[in-house]
PDB file of N, CA and C in Angstrom:
ATOM      1  N   MET A   1       0.681  -1.368  -0.171  1.00  0.00           N
ATOM      2  CA  MET A   1       0.048   0.088   0.218  1.00  0.00           C
ATOM      3  C   MET A   1       0.887   1.262   0.052  1.00  0.00           C
ATOM      4  N   THR A   2       0.727   2.157  -1.211  1.00  0.00           N
ATOM      5  CA  THR A   2       1.488   3.370  -1.078  1.00  0.00           C
ATOM      6  C   THR A   2       0.648   4.664  -0.292  1.00  0.00           C
ATOM      7  N   THR A   3       1.202   5.706  -0.219  1.00  0.00           N
ATOM      8  CA  THR A   3       0.253   6.936   0.425  1.00  0.00           C
ATOM      9  C   THR A   3      -0.630   7.422  -0.466  1.00  0.00           C
ATOM     10  N   ALA A   4      -0.640   6.960  -1.617  1.00  0.00           N
ATOM     11  CA  ALA A   4      -1.756   7.571  -2.464  1.00  0.00           C
ATOM     12  C   ALA A   4      -2.954   6.562  -2.266  1.00  0.00           C
ATOM     13  N   ASP A   5      -2.776   5.403  -1.883  1.00  0.00           N
ATOM     14  CA  ASP A   5      -4.174   4.427  -1.441  1.00  0.00           C
ATOM     15  C   ASP A   5      -4.551   4.692  -0.039  1.00  0.00           C
ATOM     16  N   ILE A   6      -4.056   5.704   0.521  1.00  0.00           N
ATOM     17  CA  ILE A   6      -4.650   5.994   1.779  1.00  0.00           C
ATOM     18  C   ILE A   6      -5.750   6.814   1.941  1.00  0.00           C
ATOM     19  N   PRO A   7      -5.822   7.701   0.995  1.00  0.00           N
ATOM     20  CA  PRO A   7      -7.442   8.358   0.557  1.00  0.00           C
ATOM     21  C   PRO A   7      -8.533   7.382   0.046  1.00  0.00           C
ATOM     22  N   LEU A   8      -8.023   6.546  -0.785  1.00  0.00           N
ATOM     23  CA  LEU A   8      -8.996   5.754  -1.208  1.00  0.00           C
ATOM     24  C   LEU A   8      -9.591   4.836  -0.263  1.00  0.00           C
ATOM     25  N   LEU A   9      -8.791   4.234   0.823  1.00  0.00           N
ATOM     26  CA  LEU A   9      -9.241   3.377   1.635  1.00  0.00           C
ATOM     27  C   LEU A   9      -9.629   4.110   2.742  1.00  0.00           C
ATOM     28  N   LEU A  10      -9.523   5.364   3.012  1.00  0.00           N
ATOM     29  CA  LEU A  10     -10.650   6.044   3.819  1.00  0.00           C
ATOM     30  C   LEU A  10     -12.230   6.139   3.453  1.00  0.00           C
ATOM     31  N   ILE A  11     -12.142   6.508   2.331  1.00  0.00           N
ATOM     32  CA  ILE A  11     -13.563   6.747   1.544  1.00  0.00           C
ATOM     33  C   ILE A  11     -14.390   5.450   1.733  1.00  0.00           C
ATOM     34  N   ASP A  12     -13.363   4.291   1.006  1.00  0.00           N
ATOM     35  CA  ASP A  12     -13.873   3.001   0.844  1.00  0.00           C
ATOM     36  C   ASP A  12     -14.287   2.587   2.322  1.00  0.00           C
ATOM     37  N   SER A  13     -13.385   2.798   3.348  1.00  0.00           N
ATOM     38  CA  SER A  13     -14.248   2.579   4.644  1.00  0.00           C
ATOM     39  C   SER A  13     -15.393   3.322   5.048  1.00  0.00           C
ATOM     40  N   PHE A  14     -15.362   4.708   4.854  1.00  0.00           N
ATOM     41  CA  PHE A  14     -16.292   5.548   5.087  1.00  0.00           C
ATOM     42  C   PHE A  14     -17.785   4.959   4.348  1.00  0.00           C
ATOM     43  N   THR A  15     -17.842   4.753   3.013  1.00  0.00           N
ATOM     44  CA  THR A  15     -18.805   4.243   2.442  1.00  0.00           C
ATOM     45  C   THR A  15     -19.496   2.823   2.887  1.00  0.00           C
ATOM     46  N   ASN A  16     -18.325   1.957   3.341  1.00  0.00           N
ATOM     47  CA  ASN A  16     -18.842   0.559   3.869  1.00  0.00           C
ATOM     48  C   ASN A  16     -19.600   1.012   5.420  1.00  0.00           C
ATOM     49  N   PHE A  17     -18.763   2.095   6.153  1.00  0.00           N
ATOM     50  CA  PHE A  17     -19.845   2.240   7.278  1.00  0.00           C
ATOM     51  C   PHE A  17     -21.001   3.100   6.976  1.00  0.00           C
ATOM     52  N   LEU A  18     -21.242   3.605   6.007  1.00  0.00           N
ATOM     53  CA  LEU A  18     -22.729   4.425   5.833  1.00  0.00           C
ATOM     54  C   LEU A  18     -23.689   3.175   5.383  1.00  0.00           C
ATOM     55  N   ASN A  19     -23.107   2.231   4.393  1.00  0.00           N
ATOM     56  CA  ASN A  19     -23.933   1.227   4.059  1.00  0.00           C
ATOM     57  C   ASN A  19     -24.503   0.033   5.418  1.00  0.00           C
ATOM     58  N   PHE A  20     -23.189   0.025   6.193  1.00  0.00           N
ATOM     59  CA  PHE A  20     -23.711  -0.835   7.282  1.00  0.00           C
ATOM     60  C   PHE A  20     -24.564   0.170   8.139  1.00  0.00           C
ATOM     61  N   TYR A  21     -24.573   1.341   8.392  1.00  0.00           N
ATOM     62  CA  TYR A  21     -25.322   1.972   9.111  1.00  0.00           C
ATOM     63  C   TYR A  21     -26.809   2.128   8.575  1.00  0.00           C
ATOM     64  N   LEU A  22     -26.824   2.322   7.219  1.00  0.00           N
ATOM     65  CA  LEU A  22     -28.250   2.069   6.750  1.00  0.00           C
ATOM     66  C   LEU A  22     -28.875   0.818   6.646  1.00  0.00           C
ATOM     67  N   VAL A  23     -28.169  -0.437   6.763  1.00  0.00           N
ATOM     68  CA  VAL A  23     -28.906  -1.928   7.248  1.00  0.00           C
ATOM     69  C   VAL A  23     -29.652  -1.588   8.672  1.00  0.00           C
ATOM     70  N   ILE A  24     -28.578  -0.743   9.317  1.00  0.00           N
ATOM     71  CA  ILE A  24     -29.342  -0.929  10.968  1.00  0.00           C
ATOM     72  C   ILE A  24     -30.584   0.046  11.002  1.00  0.00           C
ATOM     73  N   ILE A  25     -30.293   1.055  10.461  1.00  0.00           N
ATOM     74  CA  ILE A  25     -31.710   1.945  10.498  1.00  0.00           C
ATOM     75  C   ILE A  25     -32.782   1.316   9.997  1.00  0.00           C
ATOM     76  N   PHE A  26     -32.593   0.454   8.914  1.00  0.00           N
ATOM     77  CA  PHE A  26     -33.482  -0.287   7.821  1.00  0.00           C
ATOM     78  C   PHE A  26     -34.137  -1.650   9.111  1.00  0.00           C
ATOM     79  N   VAL A  27     -33.214  -2.096   9.618  1.00  0.00           N
ATOM     80  CA  VAL A  27     -33.496  -3.373  10.569  1.00  0.00           C
ATOM     81  C   VAL A  27     -34.342  -2.508  11.602  1.00  0.00           C
ATOM     82  N   ARG A  28     -34.067  -1.662  12.036  1.00  0.00           N
ATOM     83  CA  ARG A  28     -34.356  -0.976  13.261  1.00  0.00           C
ATOM     84  C   ARG A  28     -35.770  -0.296  12.854  1.00  0.00           C
ATOM     85  N   LEU A  29     -36.103   0.122  11.642  1.00  0.00           N
ATOM     86  CA  LEU A  29     -37.610   0.403  11.104  1.00  0.00           C
ATOM     87  C   LEU A  29     -38.279  -0.412  11.137  1.00  0.00           C
ATOM     88  N   LEU A  30     -37.907  -1.673  10.489  1.00  0.00           N
ATOM     89  CA  LEU A  30     -38.723  -3.063  10.137  1.00  0.00           C
ATOM     90  C   LEU A  30     -39.047  -3.825  11.584  1.00  0.00           C
ATOM     91  N   LEU A  31     -38.503  -3.508  12.570  1.00  0.00           N
ATOM     92  CA  LEU A  31     -38.704  -4.398  13.930  1.00  0.00           C
ATOM     93  C   LEU A  31     -39.770  -3.321  14.574  1.00  0.00           C
ATOM     94  N   THR A  32     -40.179  -2.038  13.947  1.00  0.00           N
ATOM     95  CA  THR A  32     -40.999  -1.356  14.762  1.00  0.00           C
ATOM     96  C   THR A  32     -42.423  -1.521  14.257  1.00  0.00           C
ATOM     97  N   TRP A  33     -42.495  -2.348  13.248  1.00  0.00           N
ATOM     98  CA  TRP A  33     -43.796  -3.057  12.580  1.00  0.00           C
ATOM     99  C   TRP A  33     -44.431  -4.205  13.526  1.00  0.00           C
ATOM    100  N   PHE A  34     -43.428  -4.687  14.500  1.00  0.00           N
ATOM    101  CA  PHE A  34     -43.784  -5.771  15.253  1.00  0.00           C
ATOM    102  C   PHE A  34     -43.576  -5.576  16.398  1.00  0.00           C
ATOM    103  N   PRO A  35     -44.350  -4.641  17.447  1.00  0.00           N
ATOM    104  CA  PRO A  35     -43.981  -4.229  18.630  1.00  0.00           C
ATOM    105  C   PRO A  35     -44.346  -5.241  19.821  1.00  0.00           C
ATOM    106  N   ASN A  36     -45.485  -6.449  19.006  1.00  0.00           N
ATOM    107  CA  ASN A  36     -45.809  -7.173  19.882  1.00  0.00           C
ATOM    108  C   ASN A  36     -44.728  -8.362  20.339  1.00  0.00           C
ATOM    109  N   ILE A  37     -43.869  -8.597  19.807  1.00  0.00           N
ATOM    110  CA  ILE A  37     -42.968  -9.938  19.862  1.00  0.00           C
ATOM    111  C   ILE A  37     -41.811  -9.273  21.038  1.00  0.00           C
ATOM    112  N   ASP A  38     -42.092 -10.311  22.100  1.00  0.00           N
ATOM    113  CA  ASP A  38     -41.024  -9.842  23.213  1.00  0.00           C
ATOM    114  C   ASP A  38     -39.414  -9.891  22.942  1.00  0.00           C
ATOM    115  N   TRP A  39     -38.901 -10.776  21.839  1.00  0.00           N
ATOM    116  CA  TRP A  39     -37.551 -10.653  21.925  1.00  0.00           C
ATOM    117  C   TRP A  39     -36.996  -9.701  21.039  1.00  0.00           C
ATOM    118  N   MET A  40     -37.719  -9.404  19.916  1.00  0.00           N
ATOM    119  CA  MET A  40     -37.636  -8.028  19.160  1.00  0.00           C
ATOM    120  C   MET A  40     -37.285  -6.675  20.139  1.00  0.00           C
ATOM    121  N   GLN A  41     -37.848  -6.964  21.372  1.00  0.00           N
ATOM    122  CA  GLN A  41     -37.701  -5.436  22.234  1.00  0.00           C
ATOM    123  C   GLN A  41     -36.255  -5.528  22.214  1.00  0.00           C
ATOM    124  N   GLN A  42     -35.536  -6.659  22.563  1.00  0.00           N
ATOM    125  CA  GLN A  42     -34.175  -6.413  22.911  1.00  0.00           C
ATOM    126  C   GLN A  42     -33.270  -6.098  21.764  1.00  0.00           C
ATOM    127  N   ILE A  43     -33.659  -6.507  20.621  1.00  0.00           N
ATOM    128  CA  ILE A  43     -33.167  -6.018  19.705  1.00  0.00           C
ATOM    129  C   ILE A  43     -32.805  -4.275  19.265  1.00  0.00           C
ATOM    130  N   VAL A  44     -34.198  -4.215  19.195  1.00  0.00           N
ATOM    131  CA  VAL A  44     -34.679  -2.593  18.999  1.00  0.00           C
ATOM    132  C   VAL A  44     -33.957  -1.889  20.473  1.00  0.00           C
ATOM    133  N   GLY A  45     -34.035  -2.314  21.525  1.00  0.00           N
ATOM    134  CA  GLY A  45     -33.180  -1.505  22.676  1.00  0.00           C
ATOM    135  C   GLY A  45     -31.786  -1.803  22.212  1.00  0.00           C
ATOM    136  N   LEU A  46     -31.101  -2.348  21.667  1.00  0.00           N
ATOM    137  CA  LEU A  46     -29.745  -2.598  21.088  1.00  0.00           C
ATOM    138  C   LEU A  46     -29.210  -1.350  19.828  1.00  0.00           C
ATOM    139  N   LEU A  47     -30.636  -1.372  19.140  1.00  0.00           N
ATOM    140  CA  LEU A  47     -30.574  -0.573  18.144  1.00  0.00           C
ATOM    141  C   LEU A  47     -30.647   1.201  17.865  1.00  0.00           C
ATOM    142  N   SER A  48     -31.766   1.368  19.387  1.00  0.00           N
ATOM    143  CA  SER A  48     -31.885   2.728  19.562  1.00  0.00           C
ATOM    144  C   SER A  48     -31.047   3.444  19.762  1.00  0.00           C
ATOM    145  N   PRO A  49     -29.847   3.030  20.640  1.00  0.00           N
ATOM    146  CA  PRO A  49     -28.756   4.230  21.287  1.00  0.00           C
ATOM    147  C   PRO A  49     -28.384   4.549  19.824  1.00  0.00           C
ATOM    148  N   ILE A  50     -28.103   3.404  18.875  1.00  0.00           N
ATOM    149  CA  ILE A  50     -27.154   3.710  17.979  1.00  0.00           C
ATOM    150  C   ILE A  50     -27.574   4.500  16.860  1.00  0.00           C
ATOM    151  N   THR A  51     -29.075   4.187  16.435  1.00  0.00           N
ATOM    152  CA  THR A  51     -29.792   4.905  15.651  1.00  0.00           C
ATOM    153  C   THR A  51     -30.456   6.156  16.022  1.00  0.00           C
ATOM    154  N   ASP A  52     -30.874   6.392  17.068  1.00  0.00           N
ATOM    155  CA  ASP A  52     -31.968   7.305  17.287  1.00  0.00           C
ATOM    156  C   ASP A  52     -31.294   8.961  17.385  1.00  0.00           C
ATOM    157  N   PRO A  53     -30.172   8.918  17.596  1.00  0.00           N
ATOM    158  CA  PRO A  53     -29.251  10.492  17.688  1.00  0.00           C
ATOM    159  C   PRO A  53     -29.526  10.866  16.161  1.00  0.00           C
ATOM    160  N   TYR A  54     -29.002   9.953  15.424  1.00  0.00           N
ATOM    161  CA  TYR A  54     -29.119  10.252  13.951  1.00  0.00           C
ATOM    162  C   TYR A  54     -30.683  10.720  13.116  1.00  0.00           C
ATOM    163  N   LEU A  55     -31.733   9.770  13.958  1.00  0.00           N
ATOM    164  CA  LEU A  55     -33.075   9.952  13.392  1.00  0.00           C
ATOM    165  C   LEU A  55     -33.686  11.073  13.986  1.00  0.00           C
ATOM    166  N   ASN A  56     -33.327  11.425  15.259  1.00  0.00           N
ATOM    167  CA  ASN A  56     -33.597  12.662  15.711  1.00  0.00           C
ATOM    168  C   ASN A  56     -33.300  13.686  14.888  1.00  0.00           C
ATOM    169  N   LEU A  57     -32.669  14.152  14.540  1.00  0.00           N
ATOM    170  CA  LEU A  57     -32.298  15.049  13.622  1.00  0.00           C
ATOM    171  C   LEU A  57     -33.507  15.379  12.402  1.00  0.00           C
ATOM    172  N   PHE A  58     -34.060  14.433  12.133  1.00  0.00           N
ATOM    173  CA  PHE A  58     -35.030  14.450  11.105  1.00  0.00           C
ATOM    174  C   PHE A  58     -36.479  14.435  11.712  1.00  0.00           C
ATOM    175  N   ARG A  59     -36.848  14.397  13.130  1.00  0.00           N
ATOM    176  CA  ARG A  59     -37.564  14.382  13.768  1.00  0.00           C
ATOM    177  C   ARG A  59     -38.661  15.957  13.532  1.00  0.00           C
ATOM    178  N   PHE A  60     -38.225  16.784  13.058  1.00  0.00           N
ATOM    179  CA  PHE A  60     -38.948  18.173  12.657  1.00  0.00           C
ATOM    180  C   PHE A  60     -40.088  17.871  11.755  1.00  0.00           C
ATOM    181  N   VAL A  61     -39.992  16.620  11.097  1.00  0.00           N
ATOM    182  CA  VAL A  61     -41.194  16.525  10.057  1.00  0.00           C
ATOM    183  C   VAL A  61     -42.190  15.777  10.868  1.00  0.00           C
ATOM    184  N   PRO A  62     -43.215  16.325  10.445  1.00  0.00           N
ATOM    185  CA  PRO A  62     -44.417  16.011  11.336  1.00  0.00           C
ATOM    186  C   PRO A  62     -45.041  14.608  10.914  1.00  0.00           C
ATOM    187  N   PRO A  63     -45.358  13.408  11.664  1.00  0.00           N
ATOM    188  CA  PRO A  63     -45.961  12.651  10.594  1.00  0.00           C
ATOM    189  C   PRO A  63     -47.372  12.773   9.965  1.00  0.00           C
ATOM    190  N   ILE A  64     -47.520  12.041   9.104  1.00  0.00           N
ATOM    191  CA  ILE A  64     -48.883  11.800   8.425  1.00  0.00           C
ATOM    192  C   ILE A  64     -49.446  10.737   8.592  1.00  0.00           C
ATOM    193  N   GLY A  65     -50.491  11.203   9.663  1.00  0.00           N
ATOM    194  CA  GLY A  65     -51.468   9.916  10.270  1.00  0.00           C
ATOM    195  C   GLY A  65     -50.718   9.133  10.936  1.00  0.00           C
ATOM    196  N   THR A  66     -50.627   7.931  10.869  1.00  0.00           N
ATOM    197  CA  THR A  66     -49.531   6.924  11.521  1.00  0.00           C
ATOM    198  C   THR A  66     -48.147   6.810  10.747  1.00  0.00           C
ATOM    199  N   ILE A  67     -47.713   7.406   9.734  1.00  0.00           N
ATOM    200  CA  ILE A  67     -46.627   7.441   9.132  1.00  0.00           C
ATOM    201  C   ILE A  67     -45.651   8.553   9.488  1.00  0.00           C
ATOM    202  N   ASP A  68     -44.574   8.030   9.912  1.00  0.00           N
ATOM    203  CA  ASP A  68     -43.531   9.041  10.327  1.00  0.00           C
ATOM    204  C   ASP A  68     -42.350   8.929   9.125  1.00  0.00           C
ATOM    205  N   LEU A  69     -42.361  10.231   8.532  1.00  0.00           N
ATOM    206  CA  LEU A  69     -41.462  10.226   7.188  1.00  0.00           C
ATOM    207  C   LEU A  69     -39.829  10.709   7.720  1.00  0.00           C
ATOM    208  N   SER A  70     -39.637  10.660   9.027  1.00  0.00           N
ATOM    209  CA  SER A  70     -38.394  11.424   9.414  1.00  0.00           C
ATOM    210  C   SER A  70     -37.461   9.915   8.900  1.00  0.00           C
ATOM    211  N   PRO A  71     -37.644   8.817   9.139  1.00  0.00           N
ATOM    212  CA  PRO A  71     -36.699   7.937   8.819  1.00  0.00           C
ATOM    213  C   PRO A  71     -36.606   7.566   7.271  1.00  0.00           C
ATOM    214  N   ILE A  72     -37.605   8.354   6.539  1.00  0.00           N
ATOM    215  CA  ILE A  72     -37.169   8.444   5.145  1.00  0.00           C
ATOM    216  C   ILE A  72     -36.256   9.695   4.559  1.00  0.00           C
ATOM    217  N   LEU A  73     -36.283  10.554   5.239  1.00  0.00           N
ATOM    218  CA  LEU A  73     -35.505  11.469   4.936  1.00  0.00           C
ATOM    219  C   LEU A  73     -34.308  11.092   5.588  1.00  0.00           C
ATOM    220  N   ALA A  74     -33.752  10.380   6.627  1.00  0.00           N
ATOM    221  CA  ALA A  74     -32.703  10.230   7.100  1.00  0.00           C
ATOM    222  C   ALA A  74     -32.040   9.367   6.019  1.00  0.00           C
ATOM    223  N   ILE A  75     -32.541   8.476   5.855  1.00  0.00           N
ATOM    224  CA  ILE A  75     -32.111   7.471   4.699  1.00  0.00           C
ATOM    225  C   ILE A  75     -31.896   8.200   3.564  1.00  0.00           C
ATOM    226  N   PHE A  76     -32.350   8.687   2.990  1.00  0.00           N
ATOM    227  CA  PHE A  76     -32.159   9.668   1.785  1.00  0.00           C
ATOM    228  C   PHE A  76     -31.029  10.676   2.069  1.00  0.00           C
ATOM    229  N   ALA A  77     -31.138  11.119   3.175  1.00  0.00           N
ATOM    230  CA  ALA A  77     -29.745  12.167   3.521  1.00  0.00           C
ATOM    231  C   ALA A  77     -28.495  11.473   3.541  1.00  0.00           C
ATOM    232  N   LEU A  78     -28.447   9.938   3.996  1.00  0.00           N
ATOM    233  CA  LEU A  78     -27.389   9.086   3.941  1.00  0.00           C
ATOM    234  C   LEU A  78     -26.847   8.785   2.826  1.00  0.00           C
ATOM    235  N   GLN A  79     -27.761   8.561   1.940  1.00  0.00           N
ATOM    236  CA  GLN A  79     -27.622   8.128   0.416  1.00  0.00           C
ATOM    237  C   GLN A  79     -26.901   9.189  -0.470  1.00  0.00           C
ATOM    238  N   LEU A  80     -27.248  10.433  -0.003  1.00  0.00           N
ATOM    239  CA  LEU A  80     -26.764  11.829  -0.845  1.00  0.00           C
ATOM    240  C   LEU A  80     -25.200  11.432  -0.313  1.00  0.00           C
ATOM    241  N   VAL A  81     -24.847  11.512   0.950  1.00  0.00           N
ATOM    242  CA  VAL A  81     -23.589  11.323   1.254  1.00  0.00           C
ATOM    243  C   VAL A  81     -22.719  10.346   0.436  1.00  0.00           C
ATOM    244  N   ALA A  82     -23.526   9.072   0.741  1.00  0.00           N
ATOM    245  CA  ALA A  82     -22.893   8.144  -0.058  1.00  0.00           C
ATOM    246  C   ALA A  82     -22.538   7.811  -1.503  1.00  0.00           C
ATOM    247  N   ILE A  83     -23.483   8.419  -2.346  1.00  0.00           N
ATOM    248  CA  ILE A  83     -23.092   8.407  -3.711  1.00  0.00           C
ATOM    249  C   ILE A  83     -22.145   9.118  -4.157  1.00  0.00           C
ATOM    250  N   PRO A  84     -21.873  10.192  -3.747  1.00  0.00           N
ATOM    251  CA  PRO A  84     -20.461  10.932  -4.045  1.00  0.00           C
ATOM    252  C   PRO A  84     -19.089  10.110  -3.521  1.00  0.00           C
ATOM    253  N   ALA A  85     -19.299   9.359  -2.400  1.00  0.00           N
ATOM    254  CA  ALA A  85     -18.077   8.594  -2.050  1.00  0.00           C
ATOM    255  C   ALA A  85     -18.169   7.426  -2.568  1.00  0.00           C
ATOM    256  N   LEU A  86     -19.133   6.938  -3.210  1.00  0.00           N
ATOM    257  CA  LEU A  86     -19.146   5.728  -3.906  1.00  0.00           C
ATOM    258  C   LEU A  86     -18.501   6.159  -5.311  1.00  0.00           C
ATOM    259  N   ALA A  87     -18.772   7.473  -6.034  1.00  0.00           N
ATOM    260  CA  ALA A  87     -18.097   7.756  -7.135  1.00  0.00           C
ATOM    261  C   ALA A  87     -16.513   8.096  -7.052  1.00  0.00           C
ATOM    262  N   ALA A  88     -16.322   8.456  -5.846  1.00  0.00           N
ATOM    263  CA  ALA A  88     -14.846   8.438  -5.841  1.00  0.00           C
ATOM    264  C   ALA A  88     -14.161   7.422  -5.568  1.00  0.00           C
ATOM    265  N   ILE A  89     -14.249   6.403  -5.207  1.00  0.00           N
ATOM    266  CA  ILE A  89     -13.632   4.915  -5.268  1.00  0.00           C
ATOM    267  C   ILE A  89     -14.100   4.329  -6.358  1.00  0.00           C
ATOM    268  N   ALA A  90     -15.052   4.418  -7.386  1.00  0.00           N
ATOM    269  CA  ALA A  90     -15.379   3.745  -8.460  1.00  0.00           C
ATOM    270  C   ALA A  90     -14.164   3.532  -9.279  1.00  0.00           C
ATOM    271  N   PRO A  91     -13.289   4.551  -9.808  1.00  0.00           N
ATOM    272  CA  PRO A  91     -11.879   4.178 -10.396  1.00  0.00           C
ATOM    273  C   PRO A  91     -11.057   3.301  -9.586  1.00  0.00           C
ATOM    274  N   MET A  92     -11.007   2.977  -8.555  1.00  0.00           N
ATOM    275  CA  MET A  92     -10.051   2.377  -7.934  1.00  0.00           C
ATOM    276  C   MET A  92     -10.434   0.916  -8.415  1.00  0.00           C
ATOM    277  N   PHE A  93     -11.938   0.512  -8.491  1.00  0.00           N
ATOM    278  CA  PHE A  93     -12.532  -0.804  -8.574  1.00  0.00           C
ATOM    279  C   PHE A  93     -12.413  -1.283 -10.163  1.00  0.00           C
ATOM    280  N   SER A  94     -12.425  -0.191 -10.908  1.00  0.00           N
ATOM    281  CA  SER A  94     -12.527  -0.464 -12.286  1.00  0.00           C
ATOM    282  C   SER A  94     -11.079  -0.993 -12.936  1.00  0.00           C
ATOM    283  N   SER A  95     -10.338  -0.844 -12.395  1.00  0.00           N
ATOM    284  CA  SER A  95      -8.910  -1.677 -12.897  1.00  0.00           C
ATOM    285  C   SER A  95      -8.848  -2.984 -12.735  1.00  0.00           C
ATOM    286  N   TYR A  96      -9.726  -3.591 -11.828  1.00  0.00           N
ATOM    287  CA  TYR A  96      -9.915  -4.951 -11.772  1.00  0.00           C
ATOM    288  C   TYR A  96     -10.427  -5.846 -12.740  1.00  0.00           C
TER     289      TYR A  96
END
């Protein structure tokens, strides 16, 4: 590994983190649809401290009926950050 590869490695790591965080948010959202299953409460209890600080940034959007739109905005915002990061590392993988 050369010093020129370090920025690409950092961008790749950041992109992987964003993708992993998106999966965690998505799993937490799916689990909120099933509030009556006891073992899922333990999983939601583990995921809430990880995801709630980020999701709370988007709680300014009022729900429409029983549908909370703030997670949709949160996922969209993460995707807006991830797309340029993926575009930055795309040339690294095109040589393989």
